[in-house]
Amino acid sequence: MEWQTPEVAAPVTTVESEQVWPTFDHHIELEAARDLINRHKRQNTTGRTSVVTTRVPLDRMLAQEGCVGVRMYFAMNPDGTPTIVMVGVDKDFNDLDQGVISDRMFPCPDWCPMNSMLDS
């Protein structure tokens, strides 16, 4: 079965995910992304809106033998601010937890985009 990216992003069921893993295209359109981000912002008016990382940890993770993707765990810094912990994932959905694990994201605020259509 060859996967066709739908015109409108639809929720992905577990069965469908397993059928297309690890080649699923996670693309969504700008308007759908803005809706998701703005929904989060409305619920979290005083918190962090995003984090950013360089490509260095992503390149290291994806270069690991058997790595086909990256899992991103929602996490909490000691000061109570949210962050993301990233780890490589193999074709069987297993974390490559003996390999590269990354955190230390740059937070927004202060590392916020200046002119992003997503952050409006």
Protein backbone atom coordinates (compact mmCIF):
# COMPACT_ATOMS: atom_id res chain seq x y z
CA MET A 1 0.00 0.00 0.00
CA GLU A 2 1.42 3.35 -0.99
CA TRP A 3 0.55 6.20 1.37
CA GLN A 4 -1.07 9.31 -0.05
CA THR A 5 -0.89 12.45 2.09
CA PRO A 6 -4.48 13.68 2.56
CA GLU A 7 -5.45 17.20 1.54
CA VAL A 8 -6.73 17.87 5.06
CA ALA A 9 -4.78 16.54 8.01
CA ALA A 10 -6.88 13.87 9.71
CA PRO A 11 -6.22 12.15 13.03
CA VAL A 12 -3.98 9.14 12.59
CA THR A 13 -5.25 5.91 14.09
CA THR A 14 -2.92 3.33 15.57
CA VAL A 15 -3.67 0.84 12.77
CA GLU A 16 -3.01 3.43 10.08
CA SER A 17 0.19 4.55 11.83
CA GLU A 18 1.49 0.99 11.93
CA GLN A 19 0.73 0.53 8.24
CA VAL A 20 2.80 3.52 7.18
CA TRP A 21 5.46 3.58 9.90
CA PRO A 22 8.30 4.55 9.45
CA THR A 23 7.61 6.48 6.24
CA PHE A 24 4.58 8.50 7.37
CA ASP A 25 4.66 12.11 6.15
CA HIS A 26 3.76 14.33 9.12
CA HIS A 27 3.10 17.38 6.94
CA ILE A 28 0.17 19.66 7.76
CA GLU A 29 -0.81 22.94 6.17
CA LEU A 30 0.00 26.32 7.72
CA GLU A 31 -3.58 27.04 8.81
CA ALA A 32 -3.91 23.68 10.59
CA ALA A 33 -0.60 24.29 12.37
CA ARG A 34 -1.71 27.76 13.45
CA ASP A 35 -4.97 26.35 14.81
CA LEU A 36 -3.09 23.77 16.90
CA ILE A 37 -0.62 26.36 18.24
CA ASN A 38 -3.28 28.94 19.02
CA ARG A 39 -5.41 26.38 20.85
CA HIS A 40 -2.41 25.65 23.09
CA LYS A 41 -1.73 29.36 23.63
CA ARG A 42 -5.34 30.00 24.67
CA GLN A 43 -5.07 27.27 27.31
CA ASN A 44 -1.58 28.31 28.49
CA THR A 45 -1.57 32.09 28.53
CA THR A 46 1.39 32.57 30.87
CA GLY A 47 3.64 29.70 29.84
CA ARG A 48 6.25 28.76 27.33
CA THR A 49 4.95 28.73 23.76
CA SER A 50 7.74 26.80 22.07
CA VAL A 51 11.28 25.53 22.28
CA VAL A 52 13.91 25.44 19.57
CA THR A 53 16.91 23.24 18.94
CA THR A 54 19.73 23.24 16.47
CA ARG A 55 20.00 20.42 13.96
CA VAL A 56 23.03 19.01 15.80
CA PRO A 57 21.10 16.62 18.12
CA LEU A 58 18.67 15.69 15.33
CA ASP A 59 21.53 14.81 12.97
CA ARG A 60 23.20 12.76 15.71
CA MET A 61 19.99 10.90 16.52
CA LEU A 62 19.08 10.18 12.92
CA ALA A 63 22.63 9.01 12.14
CA GLN A 64 22.40 6.22 14.74
CA GLU A 65 22.21 2.70 13.33
CA GLY A 66 18.59 1.62 13.07
CA CYS A 67 17.14 5.07 13.77
CA VAL A 68 14.07 5.86 11.64
CA GLY A 69 12.55 8.70 13.65
CA VAL A 70 12.62 10.85 16.77
CA ARG A 71 10.32 10.59 19.78
CA MET A 72 9.67 13.83 21.66
CA TYR A 73 8.68 13.53 25.30
CA PHE A 74 6.92 16.40 27.02
CA ALA A 75 9.04 17.13 30.08
CA MET A 76 9.47 19.60 32.96
CA ASN A 77 12.59 21.51 33.98
CA PRO A 78 13.43 21.73 37.70
CA ASP A 79 12.07 25.31 37.72
CA GLY A 80 8.68 24.06 36.50
CA THR A 81 8.97 25.26 32.90
CA PRO A 82 8.08 22.82 30.11
CA THR A 83 10.66 21.37 27.75
CA ILE A 84 11.04 18.52 25.29
CA VAL A 85 13.30 15.48 25.62
CA MET A 86 14.13 13.83 22.28
CA VAL A 87 15.36 10.32 21.59
CA GLY A 88 15.85 8.29 18.42
CA VAL A 89 13.34 5.55 17.58
CA ASP A 90 13.81 2.28 15.68
CA LYS A 91 11.46 0.66 13.15
CA ASP A 92 9.68 -1.23 15.96
CA PHE A 93 8.79 2.01 17.86
CA ASN A 94 11.52 1.37 20.48
CA ASP A 95 13.45 4.26 21.99
CA LEU A 96 17.16 4.12 21.25
CA ASP A 97 17.68 5.04 24.89
CA GLN A 98 21.28 3.82 24.96
CA GLY A 99 22.14 6.36 22.26
CA VAL A 100 21.72 10.09 21.81
CA ILE A 101 19.15 11.73 24.11
CA SER A 102 18.63 15.48 23.90
CA ASP A 103 17.16 18.32 25.94
CA ARG A 104 18.51 21.79 26.70
CA MET A 105 16.11 23.45 24.31
CA PHE A 106 16.12 27.20 23.86
CA PRO A 107 12.76 28.47 25.22
CA CYS A 108 10.25 30.96 23.91
CA PRO A 109 10.18 33.32 25.53
CA ASP A 110 13.15 34.40 25.10
CA TRP A 111 14.15 32.59 21.89
CA CYS A 112 10.94 33.47 20.05
CA PRO A 113 10.44 33.77 16.29
CA MET A 114 10.37 37.31 14.96
CA ASN A 115 8.17 36.97 11.88
CA SER A 116 6.66 33.49 11.86
CA MET A 117 3.24 32.94 10.33
CA LEU A 118 2.83 30.17 12.95
CA ASP A 119 3.25 32.53 15.89
CA SER A 120 0.50 35.01 15.22
